[in-house]
């Protein structure tokens, strides 16, 4: 979205038109809406801007729920925005630490600032991009305690606030088709600038979950968060925002609610042992936080192989920190043997997971030549006792095929 498009959209006519245009997703629906709006005599540029927002509002429901129906977005802003349920966790940190005046530097479309304002924190949201700042202003307009400033995060006067939340721009500038920047010195603000601020001001930092762990300062609490089994971010917390005695945390959000596994440091792995009756795949946040050993010990489990993130146990355990499977059989990693076994068991649907083996799951599934049986299994391809192995499993709670 360019500045001219946004200016046209933010007119009374534009907002009224957007509010009565339903969120759209598929191409046929978009074509029908475009035809209707143009037949009503609306400017083609305004119609395009309205349709873009209607499409983005539909896409944003997964992150913002019902709030999406009144928000504005840019393509890049939505892609990079924090999910509202995760932003609420960020905001809660500042509130719990008693930090009332917070700067959201690099606020994007304002997702984190919205969550902070909802907790009655005084939020100053700053972004250097004019269009993005205008979008954030609209999204924060419900809260009197929030304001948006156009400016560079690196130049913000930190003495104005009690704490700061930073989301360094890790992609090239623009509203669509941005590219990832690999060098932290190229981020805006740079990682050095972020960490310098953290030495003087209580600071939270949002980073990608795959960031080089060597970049994490010893003074920070590092918290990896997953939502519905997808690891969405690494947050670093400094000063009073970091919890005493915690340097590693895995926060898992899903149908169960919110669960957390924490440690004073990376946990040593559990000992390697034989495959038991049950296999567990740790949540990605647990793996990233390197707390697999603590998880294994909590379920009386052991590692299948050195350096491979699978845990086995002799008991069925329900835990938010791992997906559990009942072991049905163990075979060599041989396509012919596996295909014969699956055919004999009447299996028509196979979920393939792999760790420690060089296999393309999509190609491997084709080679199995499944014949449309009614059964389903999970096939775990990994190393067991030094050998490439296929473990036939069923998810706990599912009936065997």
Protein backbone atom coordinates (compact mmCIF):
# COMPACT_ATOMS: atom_id res chain seq x y z
CA UNK A 1 0.00 0.00 0.00
CA UNK A 2 1.37 3.39 -0.98
CA UNK A 3 0.72 6.68 0.82
CA UNK A 4 -1.74 7.84 -1.85
CA UNK A 5 -3.76 4.62 -1.55
CA UNK A 6 -3.92 4.96 2.22
CA UNK A 7 -4.94 8.60 2.03
CA UNK A 8 -7.83 7.69 -0.27
CA UNK A 9 -8.82 4.79 1.96
CA UNK A 10 -8.85 6.94 5.13
CA UNK A 11 -11.48 9.32 3.77
CA UNK A 12 -15.03 8.99 5.14
CA UNK A 13 -16.10 7.45 1.82
CA UNK A 14 -13.21 4.99 1.85
CA UNK A 15 -13.73 3.80 5.42
CA UNK A 16 -17.49 3.50 4.94
CA UNK A 17 -16.91 1.43 1.82
CA UNK A 18 -14.39 -0.79 3.61
CA UNK A 19 -16.69 -1.33 6.60
CA UNK A 20 -19.48 -2.63 4.38
CA UNK A 21 -17.17 -4.80 2.27
CA UNK A 22 -16.89 -8.32 3.66
CA UNK A 23 -13.53 -9.96 4.24
CA UNK A 24 -12.65 -11.93 1.12
CA UNK A 25 -10.24 -14.72 0.32
CA UNK A 26 -10.77 -16.68 -2.90
CA UNK A 27 -10.37 -15.25 -6.38
CA UNK A 28 -13.98 -15.74 -7.48
CA UNK A 29 -15.29 -13.90 -4.45
CA UNK A 30 -12.88 -11.03 -5.05
CA UNK A 31 -13.97 -10.71 -8.68
CA UNK A 32 -17.63 -10.52 -7.65
CA UNK A 33 -16.95 -7.82 -5.07
CA UNK A 34 -14.83 -5.78 -7.51
CA UNK A 35 -17.58 -5.92 -10.11
CA UNK A 36 -20.19 -4.78 -7.60
CA UNK A 37 -18.12 -1.88 -6.28
CA UNK A 38 -17.20 -0.64 -9.74
CA UNK A 39 -20.82 -0.88 -10.87
CA UNK A 40 -21.65 1.46 -7.98
CA UNK A 41 -19.35 4.05 -9.54
CA UNK A 42 -16.46 3.98 -7.06
CA UNK A 43 -12.99 5.06 -8.12
CA UNK A 44 -10.95 2.05 -9.35
CA UNK A 45 -8.02 3.04 -7.14
CA UNK A 46 -10.25 3.14 -4.07
CA UNK A 47 -11.82 -0.19 -5.01
CA UNK A 48 -8.36 -1.75 -5.26
CA UNK A 49 -7.35 -0.37 -1.85
CA UNK A 50 -10.60 -1.57 -0.25
CA UNK A 51 -10.24 -5.05 -1.74
CA UNK A 52 -6.65 -5.30 -0.57
CA UNK A 53 -7.75 -4.49 2.98
CA UNK A 54 -10.71 -6.87 2.82
CA UNK A 55 -8.38 -9.67 1.75
CA UNK A 56 -5.83 -8.84 4.46
CA UNK A 57 -8.57 -8.68 7.11
CA UNK A 58 -9.62 -12.19 6.19
CA UNK A 59 -6.01 -13.37 6.35
CA UNK A 60 -5.45 -11.59 9.68
CA UNK A 61 -8.16 -13.45 11.59
CA UNK A 62 -5.68 -16.14 12.55
CA UNK A 63 -3.52 -13.55 14.32
CA UNK A 64 -6.03 -10.99 15.54
CA UNK A 65 -9.41 -12.73 15.72
CA UNK A 66 -12.38 -10.38 15.72
CA UNK A 67 -10.07 -7.35 16.03
CA UNK A 68 -9.06 -7.91 12.40
CA UNK A 69 -12.44 -6.67 11.20
CA UNK A 70 -11.65 -3.10 12.24
CA UNK A 71 -7.91 -3.00 11.63
CA UNK A 72 -5.82 -1.84 8.66
CA UNK A 73 -2.81 -3.74 7.34
CA UNK A 74 0.08 -3.76 4.94
CA UNK A 75 1.20 -7.07 3.43
CA UNK A 76 4.58 -6.97 5.15
CA UNK A 77 3.13 -5.57 8.36
CA UNK A 78 0.66 -8.43 8.72
CA UNK A 79 3.31 -11.04 7.95
CA UNK A 80 5.63 -9.66 10.63
CA UNK A 81 2.98 -8.76 13.22
CA UNK A 82 2.85 -10.50 16.59
CA UNK A 83 -0.19 -12.72 17.17
CA UNK A 84 -2.52 -11.02 19.64
CA UNK A 85 -2.36 -13.89 22.15
CA UNK A 86 1.45 -13.69 22.12
CA UNK A 87 1.41 -9.89 22.32
CA UNK A 88 -0.75 -10.22 25.42
CA UNK A 89 2.05 -12.25 27.04
CA UNK A 90 4.54 -9.49 26.18
CA UNK A 91 2.30 -6.80 27.61
CA UNK A 92 1.79 -8.82 30.77
CA UNK A 93 5.54 -8.78 31.43
CA UNK A 94 5.62 -4.98 31.47
CA UNK A 95 2.52 -4.74 33.63
CA UNK A 96 3.83 -7.32 36.12
CA UNK A 97 7.13 -5.43 36.39
CA UNK A 98 5.25 -2.20 37.20
CA UNK A 99 6.47 -0.41 34.07
CA UNK A 100 3.66 1.94 33.13
CA UNK A 101 5.22 4.00 30.33
CA UNK A 102 6.42 1.79 27.48
CA UNK A 103 7.92 2.56 24.08
CA UNK A 104 7.20 0.10 21.26
CA UNK A 105 10.10 0.85 18.92
CA UNK A 106 9.57 -0.52 15.45
CA UNK A 107 5.88 -0.93 16.19
CA UNK A 108 4.84 -2.05 12.71
CA UNK A 109 1.05 -2.14 12.41
CA UNK A 110 0.75 -1.92 16.20
CA UNK A 111 -0.07 -5.45 17.39
CA UNK A 112 2.11 -5.34 20.51
CA UNK A 113 1.15 -1.75 21.27
CA UNK A 114 -2.54 -2.74 21.13
CA UNK A 115 -1.99 -5.42 23.77
CA UNK A 116 -0.10 -2.97 25.98
CA UNK A 117 -2.77 -0.30 25.67
CA UNK A 118 -5.42 -2.88 26.53
CA UNK A 119 -3.67 -3.27 29.91
CA UNK A 120 -3.82 0.51 30.43
CA UNK A 121 -0.11 1.00 29.83
CA UNK A 122 0.93 4.34 28.35
CA UNK A 123 2.34 3.33 24.99
CA UNK A 124 4.43 5.38 22.60
CA UNK A 125 4.59 3.43 19.34
CA UNK A 126 7.33 4.46 16.92
CA UNK A 127 7.90 3.48 13.31
CA UNK A 128 10.05 5.10 10.65
CA UNK A 129 7.75 4.26 7.73
CA UNK A 130 5.03 6.84 7.08
CA UNK A 131 2.39 4.41 5.78
CA UNK A 132 3.04 1.88 8.55
CA UNK A 133 2.84 4.58 11.22
CA UNK A 134 -0.48 5.77 9.78
CA UNK A 135 -1.84 2.21 9.82
CA UNK A 136 -0.71 1.81 13.44
CA UNK A 137 -2.42 5.10 14.31
CA UNK A 138 -5.71 3.74 13.00
CA UNK A 139 -5.28 0.43 14.79
CA UNK A 140 -4.52 2.14 18.11
CA UNK A 141 -7.27 4.74 17.86
CA UNK A 142 -9.48 2.90 20.38
CA UNK A 143 -7.06 3.60 23.23
CA UNK A 144 -6.41 7.06 24.64
CA UNK A 145 -3.27 5.78 26.37
CA UNK A 146 -1.54 5.01 23.05
CA UNK A 147 0.04 7.35 20.54
CA UNK A 148 2.11 6.83 17.42
CA UNK A 149 5.19 8.77 16.39
CA UNK A 150 6.98 8.78 13.07
CA UNK A 151 10.67 8.35 13.73
CA UNK A 152 13.72 6.14 13.93
CA UNK A 153 13.86 3.70 16.84
CA UNK A 154 17.60 4.22 17.29
CA UNK A 155 17.07 7.93 17.96
CA UNK A 156 14.29 7.59 20.55
CA UNK A 157 14.97 9.21 23.94
CA UNK A 158 14.70 6.29 26.36
CA UNK A 159 14.44 8.60 29.38
CA UNK A 160 10.84 9.31 28.33
CA UNK A 161 9.71 5.80 29.29
CA UNK A 162 10.02 3.15 32.00
CA UNK A 163 10.61 0.28 29.62
CA UNK A 164 11.01 -0.48 25.95
CA UNK A 165 9.86 -3.19 23.54
CA UNK A 166 11.90 -3.54 20.37
CA UNK A 167 11.13 -5.48 17.22
CA UNK A 168 14.14 -4.80 14.96
CA UNK A 169 13.25 -4.71 11.27
CA UNK A 170 14.93 -7.83 9.91
CA UNK A 171 13.75 -7.41 6.32
CA UNK A 172 14.31 -4.85 3.59
CA UNK A 173 12.05 -1.81 3.67
CA UNK A 174 8.75 -1.79 1.82
CA UNK A 175 5.17 -3.00 2.21
CA UNK A 176 5.30 -6.09 -0.04
CA UNK A 177 7.91 -8.56 -1.33
CA UNK A 178 10.48 -7.75 1.34
CA UNK A 179 13.62 -9.85 1.79
CA UNK A 180 15.22 -11.17 4.95
CA UNK A 181 18.40 -9.49 6.20
CA UNK A 182 20.89 -12.02 7.54
CA UNK A 183 23.40 -9.65 9.16
CA UNK A 184 22.25 -8.23 12.55
CA UNK A 185 24.23 -5.07 11.77
CA UNK A 186 21.78 -4.43 8.91
CA UNK A 187 18.69 -4.68 11.11
CA UNK A 188 16.90 -1.50 12.13
CA UNK A 189 17.84 -0.81 14.83
CA UNK A 190 20.96 -2.97 14.76
CA UNK A 191 21.30 -5.67 17.38
CA UNK A 192 24.19 -3.76 18.98
CA UNK A 193 21.90 -0.74 19.40
CA UNK A 194 19.20 -2.94 20.93
CA UNK A 195 21.58 -4.53 23.43
CA UNK A 196 23.07 -1.15 24.33
CA UNK A 197 19.58 0.11 25.22
CA UNK A 198 19.06 -2.97 27.38
CA UNK A 199 22.00 -1.95 29.60
CA UNK A 200 20.19 1.21 30.70
CA UNK A 201 16.45 0.49 30.33
CA UNK A 202 14.25 -2.55 31.06
CA UNK A 203 13.95 -4.05 27.59
CA UNK A 204 12.12 -6.79 25.73
CA UNK A 205 13.22 -7.79 22.23
CA UNK A 206 11.40 -9.81 19.58
CA UNK A 207 13.60 -11.87 17.26
CA UNK A 208 13.11 -14.72 14.84
CA UNK A 209 13.08 -18.15 16.53
CA UNK A 210 16.05 -19.36 14.50
CA UNK A 211 18.42 -16.56 15.45
CA UNK A 212 22.01 -17.63 16.17
CA UNK A 213 22.06 -18.61 19.85
CA UNK A 214 25.60 -17.25 20.16
CA UNK A 215 24.08 -13.77 19.83
CA UNK A 216 22.01 -14.18 23.02
CA UNK A 217 23.62 -12.25 25.93
CA UNK A 218 24.18 -14.11 29.19
CA UNK A 219 22.20 -11.38 30.97
CA UNK A 220 18.98 -12.11 29.07
CA UNK A 221 16.12 -14.50 29.65
CA UNK A 222 15.55 -16.21 26.31
CA UNK A 223 11.94 -17.28 25.71
CA UNK A 224 10.88 -19.27 22.66
CA UNK A 225 7.14 -19.32 22.00
CA UNK A 226 5.12 -21.72 19.87
CA UNK A 227 1.47 -21.39 18.85
CA UNK A 228 -0.32 -24.55 17.73
CA UNK A 229 3.06 -26.32 17.38
CA UNK A 230 4.61 -23.55 15.23
CA UNK A 231 7.54 -21.73 16.83
CA UNK A 232 6.77 -18.08 16.16
CA UNK A 233 9.42 -16.05 17.98
CA UNK A 234 12.30 -15.68 20.37
CA UNK A 235 11.84 -12.96 22.96
CA UNK A 236 14.77 -11.68 25.03
CA UNK A 237 14.06 -10.04 28.37
CA UNK A 238 16.43 -7.77 30.30
CA UNK A 239 16.45 -6.15 33.73
CA UNK A 240 13.25 -6.53 35.78
CA UNK A 241 11.49 -8.00 32.74
CA UNK A 242 13.68 -11.11 33.07
CA UNK A 243 12.54 -13.55 35.73
CA UNK A 244 15.03 -14.42 38.49
CA UNK A 245 16.78 -17.74 37.99
CA UNK A 246 15.39 -18.28 34.48
CA UNK A 247 17.57 -18.06 31.40
CA UNK A 248 15.71 -20.48 29.13
CA UNK A 249 11.96 -20.73 28.65
CA UNK A 250 9.68 -22.59 26.25
CA UNK A 251 6.15 -21.17 26.14
CA UNK A 252 3.65 -23.42 24.40
CA UNK A 253 0.25 -22.01 23.40
CA UNK A 254 -2.47 -24.29 22.07
CA UNK A 255 -5.90 -25.78 22.77
CA UNK A 256 -4.70 -26.61 26.28
CA UNK A 257 -4.08 -22.92 27.00
CA UNK A 258 -0.60 -21.67 27.91
CA UNK A 259 2.09 -23.91 29.39
CA UNK A 260 5.72 -23.16 30.11
CA UNK A 261 8.91 -25.10 30.70
CA UNK A 262 11.80 -23.11 32.17
CA UNK A 263 15.40 -23.64 33.22
CA UNK A 264 18.40 -21.82 34.62
CA UNK A 265 20.36 -22.77 31.50
CA UNK A 266 20.35 -25.22 28.62
CA UNK A 267 19.31 -28.56 30.08
CA UNK A 268 21.67 -31.52 29.74
CA UNK A 269 20.16 -34.24 27.61
CA UNK A 270 18.72 -37.32 29.23
CA UNK A 271 20.67 -40.54 28.78
CA UNK A 272 20.21 -42.58 25.61
CA UNK A 273 18.15 -45.73 26.08
CA UNK A 274 16.09 -48.32 24.24
CA UNK A 275 12.88 -47.57 22.41
CA UNK A 276 9.93 -48.08 24.71
CA UNK A 277 6.22 -48.44 24.09
CA UNK A 278 5.79 -44.70 23.51
CA UNK A 279 7.61 -42.08 21.47
CA UNK A 280 7.47 -38.32 22.08
CA UNK A 281 8.33 -35.48 19.73
CA UNK A 282 9.15 -32.36 21.79
CA UNK A 283 7.47 -29.11 20.84
CA UNK A 284 9.67 -26.87 18.70
CA UNK A 285 9.90 -24.27 21.48
CA UNK A 286 11.27 -26.92 23.84
CA UNK A 287 13.82 -27.96 21.22
CA UNK A 288 14.89 -24.36 20.53
CA UNK A 289 15.22 -23.65 24.25
CA UNK A 290 17.29 -26.83 24.65
CA UNK A 291 15.12 -28.12 27.47
CA UNK A 292 14.59 -31.58 25.94
CA UNK A 293 16.45 -33.25 28.77
CA UNK A 294 14.18 -31.69 31.39
CA UNK A 295 11.13 -32.79 29.40
CA UNK A 296 12.48 -36.34 29.12
CA UNK A 297 13.13 -36.58 32.84
CA UNK A 298 9.67 -35.23 33.63
CA UNK A 299 8.06 -38.15 31.78
CA UNK A 300 10.58 -40.77 32.94
CA UNK A 301 11.94 -40.91 29.41
CA UNK A 302 15.25 -41.27 27.60
CA UNK A 303 16.74 -40.07 24.33
CA UNK A 304 16.54 -42.38 21.32
CA UNK A 305 19.92 -41.30 19.97
CA UNK A 306 22.58 -38.75 20.79
CA UNK A 307 21.68 -35.34 19.40
CA UNK A 308 18.27 -36.35 17.99
CA UNK A 309 15.20 -34.73 19.51
CA UNK A 310 13.05 -37.79 20.07
CA UNK A 311 12.24 -39.09 23.54
CA UNK A 312 10.93 -42.53 24.43
CA UNK A 313 9.15 -43.78 27.53
CA UNK A 314 7.42 -46.92 28.77
CA UNK A 315 4.32 -44.97 29.78
CA UNK A 316 1.68 -42.88 28.04
CA UNK A 317 1.84 -39.31 29.28
CA UNK A 318 -0.25 -36.30 28.31
CA UNK A 319 2.00 -33.24 28.12
CA UNK A 320 1.65 -29.91 26.30
CA UNK A 321 5.39 -29.97 25.65
CA UNK A 322 5.42 -32.93 23.24
CA UNK A 323 3.29 -34.94 20.84
CA UNK A 324 2.91 -38.52 21.96
CA UNK A 325 2.80 -41.68 19.84
CA UNK A 326 2.20 -45.35 20.59
CA UNK A 327 4.82 -47.54 18.93
CA UNK A 328 3.34 -50.25 16.68
CA UNK A 329 6.46 -51.63 15.10
CA UNK A 330 10.08 -51.08 14.12
CA UNK A 331 11.49 -51.80 10.66
CA UNK A 332 14.68 -51.04 8.75
CA UNK A 333 14.48 -47.88 6.68
CA UNK A 334 13.75 -49.85 3.53
CA UNK A 335 10.99 -48.74 1.16
CA UNK A 336 10.07 -52.25 -0.01
CA UNK A 337 9.71 -53.65 3.50
CA UNK A 338 7.73 -50.64 4.65
CA UNK A 339 5.42 -50.72 1.63
CA UNK A 340 4.69 -54.40 2.22
CA UNK A 341 3.97 -53.83 5.91
CA UNK A 342 1.67 -50.87 5.26
CA UNK A 343 -0.22 -52.79 2.57
CA UNK A 344 -0.66 -55.77 4.89
CA UNK A 345 -2.00 -53.46 7.62
CA UNK A 346 -4.44 -51.78 5.21
CA UNK A 347 -2.85 -48.38 5.66
CA UNK A 348 -3.86 -45.68 3.20
CA UNK A 349 -2.71 -42.51 4.99
CA UNK A 350 0.82 -41.97 6.31
CA UNK A 351 2.17 -39.02 8.25
CA UNK A 352 5.96 -38.92 7.88
CA UNK A 353 8.30 -37.38 10.43
CA UNK A 354 12.06 -37.49 10.30
CA UNK A 355 15.13 -36.54 12.30
CA UNK A 356 18.70 -37.61 11.67
CA UNK A 357 18.09 -39.08 8.21
CA UNK A 358 18.42 -37.49 4.78
CA UNK A 359 14.97 -38.22 3.35
CA UNK A 360 12.49 -36.10 1.41
CA UNK A 361 9.14 -37.03 3.03
CA UNK A 362 7.08 -36.18 -0.07
CA UNK A 363 9.22 -38.34 -2.34
CA UNK A 364 9.38 -41.11 0.23
CA UNK A 365 5.58 -41.20 0.48
CA UNK A 366 5.29 -41.60 -3.29
CA UNK A 367 7.69 -44.54 -3.23
CA UNK A 368 5.51 -46.31 -0.64
CA UNK A 369 2.73 -46.60 -3.27
CA UNK A 370 -0.13 -46.54 -0.78
CA UNK A 371 -3.23 -48.29 -2.13
CA UNK A 372 -6.04 -46.36 -0.47
CA UNK A 373 -6.59 -48.45 2.64
CA UNK A 374 -8.64 -47.10 5.53
CA UNK A 375 -5.88 -47.22 8.14
CA UNK A 376 -3.47 -44.44 9.07
CA UNK A 377 -0.10 -44.41 10.80
CA UNK A 378 2.70 -42.05 11.64
CA UNK A 379 6.04 -43.12 10.23
CA UNK A 380 9.04 -41.80 12.18
CA UNK A 381 12.27 -42.04 10.20
CA UNK A 382 15.32 -41.68 12.43
CA UNK A 383 18.45 -43.36 13.79
CA UNK A 384 18.11 -46.05 16.41
CA UNK A 385 21.16 -47.75 17.88
CA UNK A 386 23.22 -46.26 15.05
CA UNK A 387 20.98 -47.63 12.27
CA UNK A 388 18.53 -45.83 10.01
CA UNK A 389 15.15 -47.02 11.24
CA UNK A 390 11.44 -46.59 10.55
CA UNK A 391 9.19 -46.58 13.60
CA UNK A 392 5.49 -47.21 12.93
CA UNK A 393 3.34 -45.28 15.39
CA UNK A 394 -0.14 -44.03 16.03
CA UNK A 395 -0.87 -40.73 17.73
CA UNK A 396 -2.04 -41.09 21.30
CA UNK A 397 -5.79 -40.80 21.30
CA UNK A 398 -6.17 -42.19 17.77
CA UNK A 399 -7.38 -45.68 16.95
CA UNK A 400 -4.97 -47.95 15.15
CA UNK A 401 -5.58 -48.55 11.46
